[in-house]
Amino acid sequence: MTPSSLPLFDQQVLPGSPSSKSFPVAESVAMYGPEALSDAQIIEAMLNRARPGRAESILSQAESLGRLVAMGPAELHNLGLTKAEMARFAILQEVHRRSTRGGFDRPRISSPRSAGTYLLPKVQGWTEERFGMLALNAKGDLLADRVLAHGTATACLISPREFFREALRFGATTALAWHNHPSGDPTPSREDMALTTRLRSAGESLGVPLADHMVIGGDRWHSFRAAEGWDR
């Protein structure tokens, strides 16, 4: 028996499958090492049902494992993944984000530069726009990092009410808005500018000021705080 013939999880076998025997992923990796797994096998390990050829089909549509792991919920859904399967890929993204930011300690985000340093690794490879919120305490320590909305490749909608409701849920003293531009260009649009104005106004009314609105594109970022001189 070769590594490529081994199923990876105690998977649910479809009726009519030639065998109901499963081979746990831990034993596969222990015997052959994770490096022996093909990209399709890794995908198969994330799926609920081991239908023959399904992992290969998903890999073909995504074009690469790296691109698949970076996809958002809408794109994964279009590939036929279930909610549970999409959750597993989201966990992979989160593990990668935390491991590449240099540890699991709660970061302090007290400037546009520190915000950019934290956010750049998070959004790398994303092919759809997402809008998020960083809940911060008075010192700038991160209390929560939440994605609030998913969009298409060009647009993502969020309301100030939803944004600050989530910030207050975590006891934030201030909140930072961020979103990515899948095009790689962080230049803010007119819609981005209008939303920033609305968020600042809502934050002042609620006593939870907007710390910044960061737009991330490629390996660059745009800070509304820095560009508009909020500290002057």
C-alpha atoms as a PDB file:
ATOM      1  CA  MET A   1       0.000   0.000   0.000  1.00  0.00           C
ATOM      2  CA  THR A   2       1.382   3.419  -0.946  1.00  0.00           C
ATOM      3  CA  PRO A   3       0.826   6.743   0.896  1.00  0.00           C
ATOM      4  CA  SER A   4      -1.407   8.000  -1.931  1.00  0.00           C
ATOM      5  CA  SER A   5      -3.845   5.149  -1.362  1.00  0.00           C
ATOM      6  CA  LEU A   6      -4.443   5.937   2.310  1.00  0.00           C
ATOM      7  CA  PRO A   7      -7.557   7.892   3.342  1.00  0.00           C
ATOM      8  CA  LEU A   8      -6.605  10.560   5.856  1.00  0.00           C
ATOM      9  CA  PHE A   9      -9.400  10.801   8.392  1.00  0.00           C
ATOM     10  CA  ASP A  10     -12.011   8.480   9.882  1.00  0.00           C
ATOM     11  CA  GLN A  11     -14.163   9.673   7.042  1.00  0.00           C
ATOM     12  CA  GLN A  12     -17.801   9.085   6.265  1.00  0.00           C
ATOM     13  CA  VAL A  13     -17.903   6.609   3.413  1.00  0.00           C
ATOM     14  CA  LEU A  14     -20.582   6.974   0.776  1.00  0.00           C
ATOM     15  CA  PRO A  15     -22.977   4.076   0.182  1.00  0.00           C
ATOM     16  CA  GLY A  16     -21.603   1.769  -2.454  1.00  0.00           C
ATOM     17  CA  SER A  17     -17.972   2.564  -1.699  1.00  0.00           C
ATOM     18  CA  PRO A  18     -15.715  -0.492  -2.073  1.00  0.00           C
ATOM     19  CA  SER A  19     -14.454  -0.317   1.495  1.00  0.00           C
ATOM     20  CA  SER A  20     -15.592   1.120   4.795  1.00  0.00           C
ATOM     21  CA  LYS A  21     -12.160   0.820   6.365  1.00  0.00           C
ATOM     22  CA  SER A  22     -10.572   4.107   7.438  1.00  0.00           C
ATOM     23  CA  PHE A  23      -6.975   5.005   8.158  1.00  0.00           C
ATOM     24  CA  PRO A  24      -6.483   7.884  10.659  1.00  0.00           C
ATOM     25  CA  VAL A  25      -4.370  10.814   9.522  1.00  0.00           C
ATOM     26  CA  ALA A  26      -2.124  10.475  12.576  1.00  0.00           C
ATOM     27  CA  GLU A  27      -1.033   6.994  11.479  1.00  0.00           C
ATOM     28  CA  SER A  28      -0.462   8.133   7.901  1.00  0.00           C
ATOM     29  CA  VAL A  29       1.732  11.000   9.030  1.00  0.00           C
ATOM     30  CA  ALA A  30       3.524   8.839  11.604  1.00  0.00           C
ATOM     31  CA  MET A  31       4.360   6.205   9.006  1.00  0.00           C
ATOM     32  CA  TYR A  32       5.286   8.423   6.067  1.00  0.00           C
ATOM     33  CA  GLY A  33       5.568  11.986   7.380  1.00  0.00           C
ATOM     34  CA  PRO A  34       3.354  14.925   6.335  1.00  0.00           C
ATOM     35  CA  GLU A  35       5.674  15.666   3.433  1.00  0.00           C
ATOM     36  CA  ALA A  36       4.460  12.471   1.764  1.00  0.00           C
ATOM     37  CA  LEU A  37       0.919  13.835   1.442  1.00  0.00           C
ATOM     38  CA  SER A  38      -0.115  15.275  -1.894  1.00  0.00           C
ATOM     39  CA  ASP A  39      -2.019  18.567  -2.115  1.00  0.00           C
ATOM     40  CA  ALA A  40      -5.168  16.612  -2.958  1.00  0.00           C
ATOM     41  CA  GLN A  41      -4.715  14.399   0.124  1.00  0.00           C
ATOM     42  CA  ILE A  42      -4.394  17.449   2.353  1.00  0.00           C
ATOM     43  CA  ILE A  43      -7.611  18.838   0.881  1.00  0.00           C
ATOM     44  CA  GLU A  44      -9.297  15.450   1.315  1.00  0.00           C
ATOM     45  CA  ALA A  45      -8.370  15.534   4.992  1.00  0.00           C
ATOM     46  CA  MET A  46     -10.379  18.756   5.364  1.00  0.00           C
ATOM     47  CA  LEU A  47     -13.527  17.353   3.771  1.00  0.00           C
ATOM     48  CA  ASN A  48     -16.465  15.680   5.477  1.00  0.00           C
ATOM     49  CA  ARG A  49     -17.078  13.078   2.799  1.00  0.00           C
ATOM     50  CA  ALA A  50     -14.395  11.165   0.932  1.00  0.00           C
ATOM     51  CA  ARG A  51     -16.099  11.004  -2.432  1.00  0.00           C
ATOM     52  CA  PRO A  52     -13.578   9.751  -5.002  1.00  0.00           C
ATOM     53  CA  GLY A  53     -12.168  12.575  -7.083  1.00  0.00           C
ATOM     54  CA  ARG A  54     -13.748  15.386  -5.062  1.00  0.00           C
ATOM     55  CA  ALA A  55     -10.491  16.706  -3.599  1.00  0.00           C
ATOM     56  CA  GLU A  56      -8.823  16.628  -7.019  1.00  0.00           C
ATOM     57  CA  SER A  57     -11.760  18.536  -8.530  1.00  0.00           C
ATOM     58  CA  ILE A  58     -11.581  21.225  -5.828  1.00  0.00           C
ATOM     59  CA  LEU A  59      -7.825  21.571  -6.292  1.00  0.00           C
ATOM     60  CA  SER A  60      -8.254  21.902 -10.055  1.00  0.00           C
ATOM     61  CA  GLN A  61     -10.857  24.656  -9.698  1.00  0.00           C
ATOM     62  CA  ALA A  62      -8.814  26.551  -7.105  1.00  0.00           C
ATOM     63  CA  GLU A  63      -5.650  26.162  -9.235  1.00  0.00           C
ATOM     64  CA  SER A  64      -3.391  25.720  -6.191  1.00  0.00           C
ATOM     65  CA  LEU A  65      -3.515  24.713  -2.528  1.00  0.00           C
ATOM     66  CA  GLY A  66      -2.232  28.142  -1.477  1.00  0.00           C
ATOM     67  CA  ARG A  67      -5.005  29.926  -3.341  1.00  0.00           C
ATOM     68  CA  LEU A  68      -7.603  27.566  -1.906  1.00  0.00           C
ATOM     69  CA  VAL A  69      -6.512  28.187   1.679  1.00  0.00           C
ATOM     70  CA  ALA A  70      -6.656  31.961   1.095  1.00  0.00           C
ATOM     71  CA  MET A  71     -10.221  31.907  -0.270  1.00  0.00           C
ATOM     72  CA  GLY A  72     -13.098  33.465   1.593  1.00  0.00           C
ATOM     73  CA  PRO A  73     -16.444  31.839   2.457  1.00  0.00           C
ATOM     74  CA  ALA A  74     -18.200  32.898  -0.757  1.00  0.00           C
ATOM     75  CA  GLU A  75     -15.518  31.362  -2.959  1.00  0.00           C
ATOM     76  CA  LEU A  76     -15.327  28.175  -0.889  1.00  0.00           C
ATOM     77  CA  HIS A  77     -19.102  27.856  -1.045  1.00  0.00           C
ATOM     78  CA  ASN A  78     -18.942  28.140  -4.831  1.00  0.00           C
ATOM     79  CA  LEU A  79     -16.590  25.144  -4.797  1.00  0.00           C
ATOM     80  CA  GLY A  80     -19.257  23.111  -3.020  1.00  0.00           C
ATOM     81  CA  LEU A  81     -17.779  23.081   0.485  1.00  0.00           C
ATOM     82  CA  THR A  82     -20.066  22.700   3.485  1.00  0.00           C
ATOM     83  CA  LYS A  83     -20.043  25.095   6.449  1.00  0.00           C
ATOM     84  CA  ALA A  84     -17.996  22.638   8.507  1.00  0.00           C
ATOM     85  CA  GLU A  85     -15.443  22.278   5.711  1.00  0.00           C
ATOM     86  CA  MET A  86     -15.224  26.043   5.250  1.00  0.00           C
ATOM     87  CA  ALA A  87     -14.626  26.403   8.986  1.00  0.00           C
ATOM     88  CA  ARG A  88     -11.612  24.093   8.765  1.00  0.00           C
ATOM     89  CA  PHE A  89     -10.042  26.225   6.047  1.00  0.00           C
ATOM     90  CA  ALA A  90     -10.758  29.356   8.110  1.00  0.00           C
ATOM     91  CA  ILE A  91      -8.903  27.758  11.025  1.00  0.00           C
ATOM     92  CA  LEU A  92      -5.937  27.062   8.736  1.00  0.00           C
ATOM     93  CA  GLN A  93      -5.893  30.750   7.786  1.00  0.00           C
ATOM     94  CA  GLU A  94      -5.949  31.773  11.439  1.00  0.00           C
ATOM     95  CA  VAL A  95      -3.131  29.403  12.396  1.00  0.00           C
ATOM     96  CA  HIS A  96      -1.034  30.799   9.555  1.00  0.00           C
ATOM     97  CA  ARG A  97      -1.817  34.390  10.540  1.00  0.00           C
ATOM     98  CA  ARG A  98      -0.875  33.875  14.173  1.00  0.00           C
ATOM     99  CA  SER A  99       2.279  31.919  13.425  1.00  0.00           C
ATOM    100  CA  THR A 100       3.571  34.510  10.945  1.00  0.00           C
ATOM    101  CA  ARG A 101       3.044  37.509  13.183  1.00  0.00           C
ATOM    102  CA  GLY A 102       5.714  36.301  15.587  1.00  0.00           C
ATOM    103  CA  GLY A 103       3.897  34.650  18.455  1.00  0.00           C
ATOM    104  CA  PHE A 104       0.573  34.436  20.212  1.00  0.00           C
ATOM    105  CA  ASP A 105       1.011  37.374  22.595  1.00  0.00           C
ATOM    106  CA  ARG A 106      -1.596  40.101  22.402  1.00  0.00           C
ATOM    107  CA  PRO A 107      -0.081  42.859  20.247  1.00  0.00           C
ATOM    108  CA  ARG A 108      -0.184  46.555  21.053  1.00  0.00           C
ATOM    109  CA  ILE A 109      -1.506  48.655  18.190  1.00  0.00           C
ATOM    110  CA  SER A 110      -0.777  52.277  18.976  1.00  0.00           C
ATOM    111  CA  SER A 111       0.179  53.712  15.571  1.00  0.00           C
ATOM    112  CA  PRO A 112      -0.568  53.267  11.863  1.00  0.00           C
ATOM    113  CA  ARG A 113       2.765  51.473  11.478  1.00  0.00           C
ATOM    114  CA  SER A 114       1.991  48.911  14.183  1.00  0.00           C
ATOM    115  CA  ALA A 115      -1.485  48.414  12.709  1.00  0.00           C
ATOM    116  CA  GLY A 116      -0.018  47.848   9.251  1.00  0.00           C
ATOM    117  CA  THR A 117       2.572  45.421  10.603  1.00  0.00           C
ATOM    118  CA  TYR A 118      -0.186  43.408  12.260  1.00  0.00           C
ATOM    119  CA  LEU A 119      -2.650  43.456   9.362  1.00  0.00           C
ATOM    120  CA  LEU A 120      -0.408  42.866   6.344  1.00  0.00           C
ATOM    121  CA  PRO A 121       0.253  39.156   7.036  1.00  0.00           C
ATOM    122  CA  LYS A 122      -3.412  38.638   7.869  1.00  0.00           C
ATOM    123  CA  VAL A 123      -4.776  39.567   4.447  1.00  0.00           C
ATOM    124  CA  GLN A 124      -2.097  38.102   2.194  1.00  0.00           C
ATOM    125  CA  GLY A 125      -3.613  35.998  -0.566  1.00  0.00           C
ATOM    126  CA  TRP A 126      -7.215  37.029   0.040  1.00  0.00           C
ATOM    127  CA  THR A 127      -9.084  37.275  -3.248  1.00  0.00           C
ATOM    128  CA  GLU A 128     -12.273  38.855  -1.920  1.00  0.00           C
ATOM    129  CA  GLU A 129     -12.761  42.018   0.090  1.00  0.00           C
ATOM    130  CA  ARG A 130     -13.298  41.729   3.831  1.00  0.00           C
ATOM    131  CA  PHE A 131     -14.004  44.380   6.435  1.00  0.00           C
ATOM    132  CA  GLY A 132     -12.915  43.977  10.024  1.00  0.00           C
ATOM    133  CA  MET A 133     -12.594  45.605  13.401  1.00  0.00           C
ATOM    134  CA  LEU A 134      -9.815  45.638  15.986  1.00  0.00           C
ATOM    135  CA  ALA A 135     -11.137  46.294  19.490  1.00  0.00           C
ATOM    136  CA  LEU A 136      -8.483  48.081  21.551  1.00  0.00           C
ATOM    137  CA  ASN A 137      -8.114  49.174  25.159  1.00  0.00           C
ATOM    138  CA  ALA A 138      -6.797  52.563  26.278  1.00  0.00           C
ATOM    139  CA  LYS A 139      -3.172  51.447  25.811  1.00  0.00           C
ATOM    140  CA  GLY A 140      -3.798  50.032  22.351  1.00  0.00           C
ATOM    141  CA  ASP A 141      -3.689  46.389  23.436  1.00  0.00           C
ATOM    142  CA  LEU A 142      -5.714  44.174  21.123  1.00  0.00           C
ATOM    143  CA  LEU A 143      -8.878  42.863  22.784  1.00  0.00           C
ATOM    144  CA  ALA A 144     -10.472  41.291  19.720  1.00  0.00           C
ATOM    145  CA  ASP A 145      -9.931  40.947  15.972  1.00  0.00           C
ATOM    146  CA  ARG A 146     -13.132  40.320  14.045  1.00  0.00           C
ATOM    147  CA  VAL A 147     -14.078  40.093  10.381  1.00  0.00           C
ATOM    148  CA  LEU A 148     -17.495  41.758  10.149  1.00  0.00           C
ATOM    149  CA  ALA A 149     -18.319  41.518   6.469  1.00  0.00           C
ATOM    150  CA  HIS A 150     -17.332  39.651   3.341  1.00  0.00           C
ATOM    151  CA  GLY A 151     -17.758  41.067  -0.125  1.00  0.00           C
ATOM    152  CA  THR A 152     -16.940  40.483  -3.738  1.00  0.00           C
ATOM    153  CA  ALA A 153     -13.568  41.215  -5.260  1.00  0.00           C
ATOM    154  CA  THR A 154     -14.449  44.918  -5.375  1.00  0.00           C
ATOM    155  CA  ALA A 155     -16.916  45.756  -2.612  1.00  0.00           C
ATOM    156  CA  CYS A 156     -17.804  45.070   1.001  1.00  0.00           C
ATOM    157  CA  LEU A 157     -20.629  46.632   3.014  1.00  0.00           C
ATOM    158  CA  ILE A 158     -20.625  47.515   6.726  1.00  0.00           C
ATOM    159  CA  SER A 159     -22.683  49.816   8.929  1.00  0.00           C
ATOM    160  CA  PRO A 160     -21.314  51.988  11.773  1.00  0.00           C
ATOM    161  CA  ARG A 161     -23.963  50.526  14.066  1.00  0.00           C
ATOM    162  CA  GLU A 162     -22.761  46.972  13.471  1.00  0.00           C
ATOM    163  CA  PHE A 163     -19.115  48.040  13.752  1.00  0.00           C
ATOM    164  CA  PHE A 164     -19.410  49.723  17.166  1.00  0.00           C
ATOM    165  CA  ARG A 165     -21.858  47.179  18.540  1.00  0.00           C
ATOM    166  CA  GLU A 166     -19.144  44.564  18.058  1.00  0.00           C
ATOM    167  CA  ALA A 167     -16.460  46.836  19.529  1.00  0.00           C
ATOM    168  CA  LEU A 168     -18.546  47.511  22.640  1.00  0.00           C
ATOM    169  CA  ARG A 169     -19.213  43.800  23.047  1.00  0.00           C
ATOM    170  CA  PHE A 170     -15.501  43.372  23.804  1.00  0.00           C
ATOM    171  CA  GLY A 171     -15.273  46.404  26.072  1.00  0.00           C
ATOM    172  CA  ALA A 172     -13.227  48.452  23.624  1.00  0.00           C
ATOM    173  CA  THR A 173     -12.073  51.932  24.546  1.00  0.00           C
ATOM    174  CA  THR A 174     -11.328  52.615  20.901  1.00  0.00           C
ATOM    175  CA  ALA A 175     -11.762  50.648  17.685  1.00  0.00           C
ATOM    176  CA  LEU A 176      -9.801  50.397  14.451  1.00  0.00           C
ATOM    177  CA  ALA A 177     -11.492  49.662  11.128  1.00  0.00           C
ATOM    178  CA  TRP A 178      -9.683  47.826   8.362  1.00  0.00           C
ATOM    179  CA  HIS A 179     -10.403  46.278   5.018  1.00  0.00           C
ATOM    180  CA  ASN A 180      -8.416  44.843   2.152  1.00  0.00           C
ATOM    181  CA  HIS A 181      -8.318  45.681  -1.539  1.00  0.00           C
ATOM    182  CA  PRO A 182      -7.792  42.424  -3.472  1.00  0.00           C
ATOM    183  CA  SER A 183      -6.505  44.486  -6.409  1.00  0.00           C
ATOM    184  CA  GLY A 184      -3.335  45.165  -4.426  1.00  0.00           C
ATOM    185  CA  ASP A 185      -3.827  48.949  -4.543  1.00  0.00           C
ATOM    186  CA  PRO A 186      -4.564  50.410  -1.076  1.00  0.00           C
ATOM    187  CA  THR A 187      -5.712  53.779  -2.465  1.00  0.00           C
ATOM    188  CA  PRO A 188      -9.057  54.495  -0.757  1.00  0.00           C
ATOM    189  CA  SER A 189     -12.187  54.878  -2.851  1.00  0.00           C
ATOM    190  CA  ARG A 190     -14.842  57.562  -2.415  1.00  0.00           C
ATOM    191  CA  GLU A 191     -16.926  54.953  -0.600  1.00  0.00           C
ATOM    192  CA  ASP A 192     -14.019  54.259   1.770  1.00  0.00           C
ATOM    193  CA  MET A 193     -13.728  57.962   2.532  1.00  0.00           C
ATOM    194  CA  ALA A 194     -17.445  58.352   3.152  1.00  0.00           C
ATOM    195  CA  LEU A 195     -17.532  55.309   5.438  1.00  0.00           C
ATOM    196  CA  THR A 196     -14.580  56.631   7.438  1.00  0.00           C
ATOM    197  CA  THR A 197     -16.406  59.920   8.018  1.00  0.00           C
ATOM    198  CA  ARG A 198     -19.500  58.051   9.202  1.00  0.00           C
ATOM    199  CA  LEU A 199     -17.483  55.791  11.501  1.00  0.00           C
ATOM    200  CA  ARG A 200     -15.660  58.734  13.073  1.00  0.00           C
ATOM    201  CA  SER A 201     -18.917  60.556  13.701  1.00  0.00           C
ATOM    202  CA  ALA A 202     -20.586  57.482  15.210  1.00  0.00           C
ATOM    203  CA  GLY A 203     -17.577  56.753  17.390  1.00  0.00           C
ATOM    204  CA  GLU A 204     -17.549  60.272  18.805  1.00  0.00           C
ATOM    205  CA  SER A 205     -21.252  60.017  19.632  1.00  0.00           C
ATOM    206  CA  LEU A 206     -20.748  56.696  21.436  1.00  0.00           C
ATOM    207  CA  GLY A 207     -17.576  57.691  23.265  1.00  0.00           C
ATOM    208  CA  VAL A 208     -15.561  55.015  21.446  1.00  0.00           C
ATOM    209  CA  PRO A 209     -13.387  56.974  19.011  1.00  0.00           C
ATOM    210  CA  LEU A 210     -12.262  55.461  15.747  1.00  0.00           C
ATOM    211  CA  ALA A 211      -8.536  54.808  16.108  1.00  0.00           C
ATOM    212  CA  ASP A 212      -7.964  54.563  12.355  1.00  0.00           C
ATOM    213  CA  HIS A 213      -9.270  53.082   9.150  1.00  0.00           C
ATOM    214  CA  MET A 214      -6.587  51.010   7.444  1.00  0.00           C
ATOM    215  CA  VAL A 215      -6.841  49.931   3.817  1.00  0.00           C
ATOM    216  CA  ILE A 216      -4.530  47.031   2.964  1.00  0.00           C
ATOM    217  CA  GLY A 217      -3.507  46.257  -0.605  1.00  0.00           C
ATOM    218  CA  GLY A 218      -0.676  43.907  -1.571  1.00  0.00           C
ATOM    219  CA  ASP A 219       2.265  44.708   0.674  1.00  0.00           C
ATOM    220  CA  ARG A 220       1.167  48.323   1.277  1.00  0.00           C
ATOM    221  CA  TRP A 221      -1.337  50.049   3.497  1.00  0.00           C
ATOM    222  CA  HIS A 222      -3.174  53.371   3.704  1.00  0.00           C
ATOM    223  CA  SER A 223      -3.924  54.956   7.073  1.00  0.00           C
ATOM    224  CA  PHE A 224      -6.682  57.549   7.204  1.00  0.00           C
ATOM    225  CA  ARG A 225      -5.296  58.782  10.538  1.00  0.00           C
ATOM    226  CA  ALA A 226      -1.893  59.464   9.006  1.00  0.00           C
ATOM    227  CA  ALA A 227      -3.180  60.759   5.656  1.00  0.00           C
ATOM    228  CA  GLU A 228      -5.742  63.140   7.132  1.00  0.00           C
ATOM    229  CA  GLY A 229      -3.660  64.215  10.126  1.00  0.00           C
ATOM    230  CA  TRP A 230      -6.095  63.228  12.846  1.00  0.00           C
ATOM    231  CA  ASP A 231      -3.439  63.911  15.492  1.00  0.00           C
ATOM    232  CA  ARG A 232      -2.835  67.498  14.425  1.00  0.00           C
END
